[in-house]
Amino acid sequence: MRSKGATGLYHANTVHTCCTFLRDGHLLARGVVHERGLDQTEQRSDKLDRALGIWYDIFFDAVDIHVQSSKVSYYGPVLLKFDLSILAKDWLPNVWIAKSNPISWDVDTPNADRWFTSIEELERLYKPTNFGFHIVLRNVGGNVRLLPYLESVVVDNPERTLAETPARFAIDMCSAAVGALIGAARAGKLLGKGIHNSVRTTCPPHCGCKSYYKSMSNTQLRKNFLA
């Protein structure tokens, strides 16, 4: 992975779901969150993930999609970055690399079309900038400790405010998101543990995130930024 230019593992999600991770102290598969009755934002792929047998798997990207694509990550405005060395730990039974986003699979898609099947194939074809080439942790019980692997938590700034009722003052979405994430980290005893926390302040030239957030519906904005 390092020889291909990867410097970390990235997991993007909503504020709502990331707060669950921080409170629990673990990155959790969607199936585990569901079974434990914890909070997470619904995804349209949930039903398919169950059918494909990946409901209890943990997905990473090898790049910051926001930076690489110059637009908002589809998965959410919060980005968790993990140390790449997690892939070398002896408690990790297997590392799987998807050949495409599972949203394009069906139950009859052969394994050879879903996953890279050899190191040779991986060395020949893998590119961190292909967003379909997800790094997937399977058979780990659907959870991975955040510490000592989590390096940073970065949240987008949509530069939007919402007034929930006429009688209430407007809520700044970025401030609400940061406050919720810090509160969750405090509950999970993660504050002061060397994790870097920040609001995304720099974007690639011509990044489309600002215009995207400006046009986002209030419902979608709440879904992404409120816990």
Protein backbone atom coordinates (compact mmCIF):
# COMPACT_ATOMS: atom_id res chain seq x y z
CA MET A 1 0.00 0.00 0.00
CA ARG A 2 2.83 2.41 0.79
CA SER A 3 4.54 1.60 -2.49
CA LYS A 4 1.32 2.67 -4.23
CA GLY A 5 1.38 6.04 -2.47
CA ALA A 6 -1.10 5.41 0.36
CA THR A 7 -0.27 7.27 3.58
CA GLY A 8 -3.26 6.33 5.72
CA LEU A 9 -6.69 4.75 5.82
CA TYR A 10 -9.76 6.99 5.62
CA HIS A 11 -13.34 6.45 6.73
CA ALA A 12 -15.92 9.15 5.98
CA ASN A 13 -19.34 9.23 7.62
CA THR A 14 -22.01 11.49 9.07
CA VAL A 15 -21.66 13.34 12.37
CA HIS A 16 -24.42 11.16 13.82
CA THR A 17 -22.62 7.89 13.04
CA CYS A 18 -19.13 9.15 13.91
CA CYS A 19 -20.35 10.25 17.34
CA THR A 20 -21.34 6.63 17.96
CA PHE A 21 -17.82 5.50 17.05
CA LEU A 22 -16.21 8.08 19.34
CA ARG A 23 -18.49 7.30 22.30
CA ASP A 24 -17.83 3.58 21.90
CA GLY A 25 -14.11 3.92 21.24
CA HIS A 26 -14.36 1.66 18.19
CA LEU A 27 -14.95 1.90 14.48
CA LEU A 28 -18.01 -0.32 14.05
CA ALA A 29 -19.53 -2.16 11.12
CA ARG A 30 -23.09 -1.19 10.31
CA GLY A 31 -24.39 -4.60 11.31
CA VAL A 32 -22.81 -4.30 14.76
CA VAL A 33 -24.26 -0.81 15.31
CA HIS A 34 -27.69 -2.14 14.31
CA GLU A 35 -27.49 -5.21 16.57
CA ARG A 36 -26.43 -3.14 19.57
CA GLY A 37 -29.20 -0.60 19.04
CA LEU A 38 -26.76 2.29 18.67
CA ASP A 39 -27.22 5.41 16.55
CA GLN A 40 -26.28 5.57 12.88
CA THR A 41 -27.50 7.32 9.76
CA GLU A 42 -29.41 5.11 7.36
CA GLN A 43 -27.76 4.27 4.04
CA ARG A 44 -29.55 3.17 0.90
CA SER A 45 -27.10 0.26 0.57
CA ASP A 46 -28.03 -1.33 3.93
CA LYS A 47 -30.39 -3.96 2.50
CA LEU A 48 -27.92 -4.89 -0.24
CA ASP A 49 -25.03 -5.09 2.25
CA ARG A 50 -26.95 -7.72 4.21
CA ALA A 51 -27.64 -9.76 1.08
CA LEU A 52 -24.00 -9.57 -0.03
CA GLY A 53 -22.62 -10.69 3.34
CA ILE A 54 -20.69 -7.47 4.01
CA TRP A 55 -23.00 -6.08 6.71
CA TYR A 56 -20.38 -6.82 9.38
CA ASP A 57 -17.35 -5.60 7.42
CA ILE A 58 -15.42 -2.33 7.93
CA PHE A 59 -14.61 -0.20 4.90
CA PHE A 60 -11.75 2.24 4.30
CA ASP A 61 -10.49 4.34 1.42
CA ALA A 62 -6.79 4.99 0.76
CA VAL A 63 -7.29 8.70 0.03
CA ASP A 64 -9.27 11.69 1.26
CA ILE A 65 -12.07 11.59 -1.32
CA HIS A 66 -12.96 15.25 -0.72
CA VAL A 67 -9.45 16.37 -1.64
CA GLN A 68 -8.90 13.83 -4.40
CA SER A 69 -12.19 14.47 -6.21
CA SER A 70 -12.57 18.20 -5.37
CA LYS A 71 -16.08 17.58 -4.11
CA VAL A 72 -17.92 16.43 -1.01
CA SER A 73 -17.56 12.79 0.00
CA TYR A 74 -20.78 10.86 -0.61
CA TYR A 75 -20.36 9.05 2.71
CA GLY A 76 -20.47 12.11 4.97
CA PRO A 77 -18.72 15.31 6.06
CA VAL A 78 -16.60 13.77 8.84
CA LEU A 79 -13.32 12.11 7.93
CA LEU A 80 -11.51 9.72 10.28
CA LYS A 81 -7.89 9.06 9.34
CA PHE A 82 -6.15 5.92 10.62
CA ASP A 83 -2.52 4.90 10.69
CA LEU A 84 -1.74 2.59 7.77
CA SER A 85 0.18 0.26 10.11
CA ILE A 86 -3.14 -1.19 11.26
CA LEU A 87 -2.93 -3.46 8.20
CA ALA A 88 0.16 -5.20 9.61
CA LYS A 89 -1.27 -6.12 13.03
CA ASP A 90 -1.22 -9.80 13.91
CA TRP A 91 -4.82 -9.74 15.17
CA LEU A 92 -6.02 -8.92 11.65
CA PRO A 93 -6.81 -12.24 9.91
CA ASN A 94 -7.26 -10.90 6.37
CA VAL A 95 -7.27 -7.67 4.40
CA TRP A 96 -9.60 -7.67 1.42
CA ILE A 97 -9.48 -5.13 -1.43
CA ALA A 98 -12.67 -4.59 -3.44
CA LYS A 99 -12.46 -4.17 -7.21
CA SER A 100 -15.53 -1.93 -7.27
CA ASN A 101 -18.04 -0.33 -4.93
CA PRO A 102 -20.35 -3.09 -3.61
CA ILE A 103 -23.34 -0.95 -4.59
CA SER A 104 -22.66 -2.26 -8.12
CA TRP A 105 -22.66 -5.93 -7.05
CA ASP A 106 -25.49 -8.39 -6.83
CA VAL A 107 -25.69 -11.72 -5.03
CA ASP A 108 -24.49 -13.56 -8.14
CA THR A 109 -21.37 -11.44 -8.71
CA PRO A 110 -18.40 -13.88 -8.60
CA ASN A 111 -15.76 -13.37 -5.92
CA ALA A 112 -13.12 -12.82 -8.60
CA ASP A 113 -15.14 -9.84 -9.85
CA ARG A 114 -15.67 -8.49 -6.32
CA TRP A 115 -12.18 -8.78 -4.86
CA PHE A 116 -8.53 -8.73 -5.83
CA THR A 117 -7.48 -12.37 -5.63
CA SER A 118 -3.68 -12.19 -5.42
CA ILE A 119 -0.83 -9.89 -4.42
CA GLU A 120 0.34 -10.00 -8.04
CA GLU A 121 -3.02 -8.73 -9.27
CA LEU A 122 -3.03 -6.05 -6.59
CA GLU A 123 0.47 -4.85 -7.50
CA ARG A 124 -0.47 -4.70 -11.16
CA LEU A 125 -3.86 -2.96 -10.97
CA TYR A 126 -4.33 -1.23 -7.63
CA LYS A 127 -4.50 2.59 -7.48
CA PRO A 128 -5.37 4.42 -4.24
CA THR A 129 -7.20 7.07 -6.27
CA ASN A 130 -9.77 4.57 -7.55
CA PHE A 131 -12.59 5.10 -5.05
CA GLY A 132 -14.08 1.68 -5.79
CA PHE A 133 -10.95 -0.06 -4.53
CA HIS A 134 -12.10 -0.16 -0.91
CA ILE A 135 -9.87 -1.68 1.77
CA VAL A 136 -12.10 -4.00 3.78
CA LEU A 137 -11.53 -5.60 7.17
CA ARG A 138 -13.47 -8.84 7.41
CA ASN A 139 -13.73 -11.41 10.20
CA VAL A 140 -12.75 -8.92 12.92
CA GLY A 141 -16.04 -9.06 14.80
CA GLY A 142 -17.20 -5.88 13.09
CA ASN A 143 -15.13 -3.56 15.24
CA VAL A 144 -11.67 -2.00 15.44
CA ARG A 145 -10.32 0.00 18.38
CA LEU A 146 -9.89 3.69 17.60
CA LEU A 147 -6.77 3.94 19.75
CA PRO A 148 -3.92 3.87 19.03
CA TYR A 149 -4.74 3.95 15.30
CA LEU A 150 -6.97 7.00 14.91
CA GLU A 151 -4.82 10.00 13.92
CA SER A 152 -7.32 12.74 13.12
CA VAL A 153 -10.96 13.76 12.90
CA VAL A 154 -11.73 16.40 10.26
CA VAL A 155 -15.18 17.89 9.60
CA ASP A 156 -16.32 19.91 6.59
CA ASN A 157 -17.63 23.44 7.11
CA PRO A 158 -20.84 23.87 5.08
CA GLU A 159 -21.06 27.55 6.01
CA ARG A 160 -24.76 27.12 6.68
CA THR A 161 -27.05 27.92 9.59
CA LEU A 162 -30.49 26.55 10.32
CA ALA A 163 -33.27 27.89 12.51
CA GLU A 164 -35.28 24.97 13.84
CA THR A 165 -38.21 27.19 14.87
CA PRO A 166 -38.88 30.94 14.48
CA ALA A 167 -38.47 31.34 18.23
CA ARG A 168 -34.97 29.87 18.29
CA PHE A 169 -31.72 31.40 17.09
CA ALA A 170 -29.99 29.93 14.08
CA ILE A 171 -27.73 26.93 14.60
CA ASP A 172 -24.35 27.03 12.86
CA MET A 173 -23.97 23.56 11.34
CA CYS A 174 -20.18 23.44 11.64
CA SER A 175 -20.19 24.51 15.29
CA ALA A 176 -22.94 22.01 16.08
CA ALA A 177 -20.98 19.22 14.41
CA VAL A 178 -17.72 20.05 16.20
CA GLY A 179 -19.49 20.32 19.55
CA ALA A 180 -21.19 16.95 19.07
CA LEU A 181 -17.94 15.24 18.05
CA ILE A 182 -15.99 16.69 20.97
CA GLY A 183 -18.76 15.67 23.37
CA ALA A 184 -18.73 12.13 21.99
CA ALA A 185 -14.92 11.97 22.22
CA ARG A 186 -15.12 13.12 25.83
CA ALA A 187 -17.70 10.43 26.60
CA GLY A 188 -15.42 7.84 25.01
CA LYS A 189 -12.43 9.09 27.01
CA LEU A 190 -10.55 9.98 23.83
CA LEU A 191 -9.74 13.61 24.55
CA GLY A 192 -6.05 14.27 25.15
CA LYS A 193 -5.05 11.01 23.46
CA GLY A 194 -3.06 12.56 20.62
CA ILE A 195 -5.92 12.68 18.10
CA HIS A 196 -5.84 15.76 15.91
CA ASN A 197 -9.22 17.48 15.52
CA SER A 198 -9.94 20.19 12.99
CA VAL A 199 -12.40 21.85 10.65
CA ARG A 200 -11.49 21.54 6.97
CA THR A 201 -10.26 25.01 6.00
CA THR A 202 -8.43 24.35 2.73
CA CYS A 203 -9.81 22.66 -0.37
CA PRO A 204 -8.37 21.91 -3.80
CA PRO A 205 -8.71 24.66 -6.44
CA HIS A 206 -12.20 24.74 -7.93
CA CYS A 207 -13.53 22.41 -5.21
CA GLY A 208 -17.29 22.04 -5.55
CA CYS A 209 -18.02 21.54 -1.85
CA LYS A 210 -19.16 25.09 -1.10
CA SER A 211 -21.70 25.21 -3.92
CA TYR A 212 -22.87 21.70 -3.04
CA TYR A 213 -23.50 22.58 0.59
CA LYS A 214 -25.14 25.85 -0.41
CA SER A 215 -27.70 23.97 -2.51
CA MET A 216 -28.19 21.09 -0.05
CA SER A 217 -31.70 20.78 1.36
CA ASN A 218 -32.26 21.49 5.04
CA THR A 219 -33.28 17.87 5.57
CA GLN A 220 -30.05 16.55 4.06
CA LEU A 221 -28.01 19.12 5.96
CA ARG A 222 -29.48 17.93 9.26
CA LYS A 223 -28.85 14.31 8.26
CA ASN A 224 -25.18 15.03 7.61
CA PHE A 225 -24.26 17.46 10.39
CA LEU A 226 -26.57 17.01 13.39
CA ALA A 227 -26.16 14.31 16.00
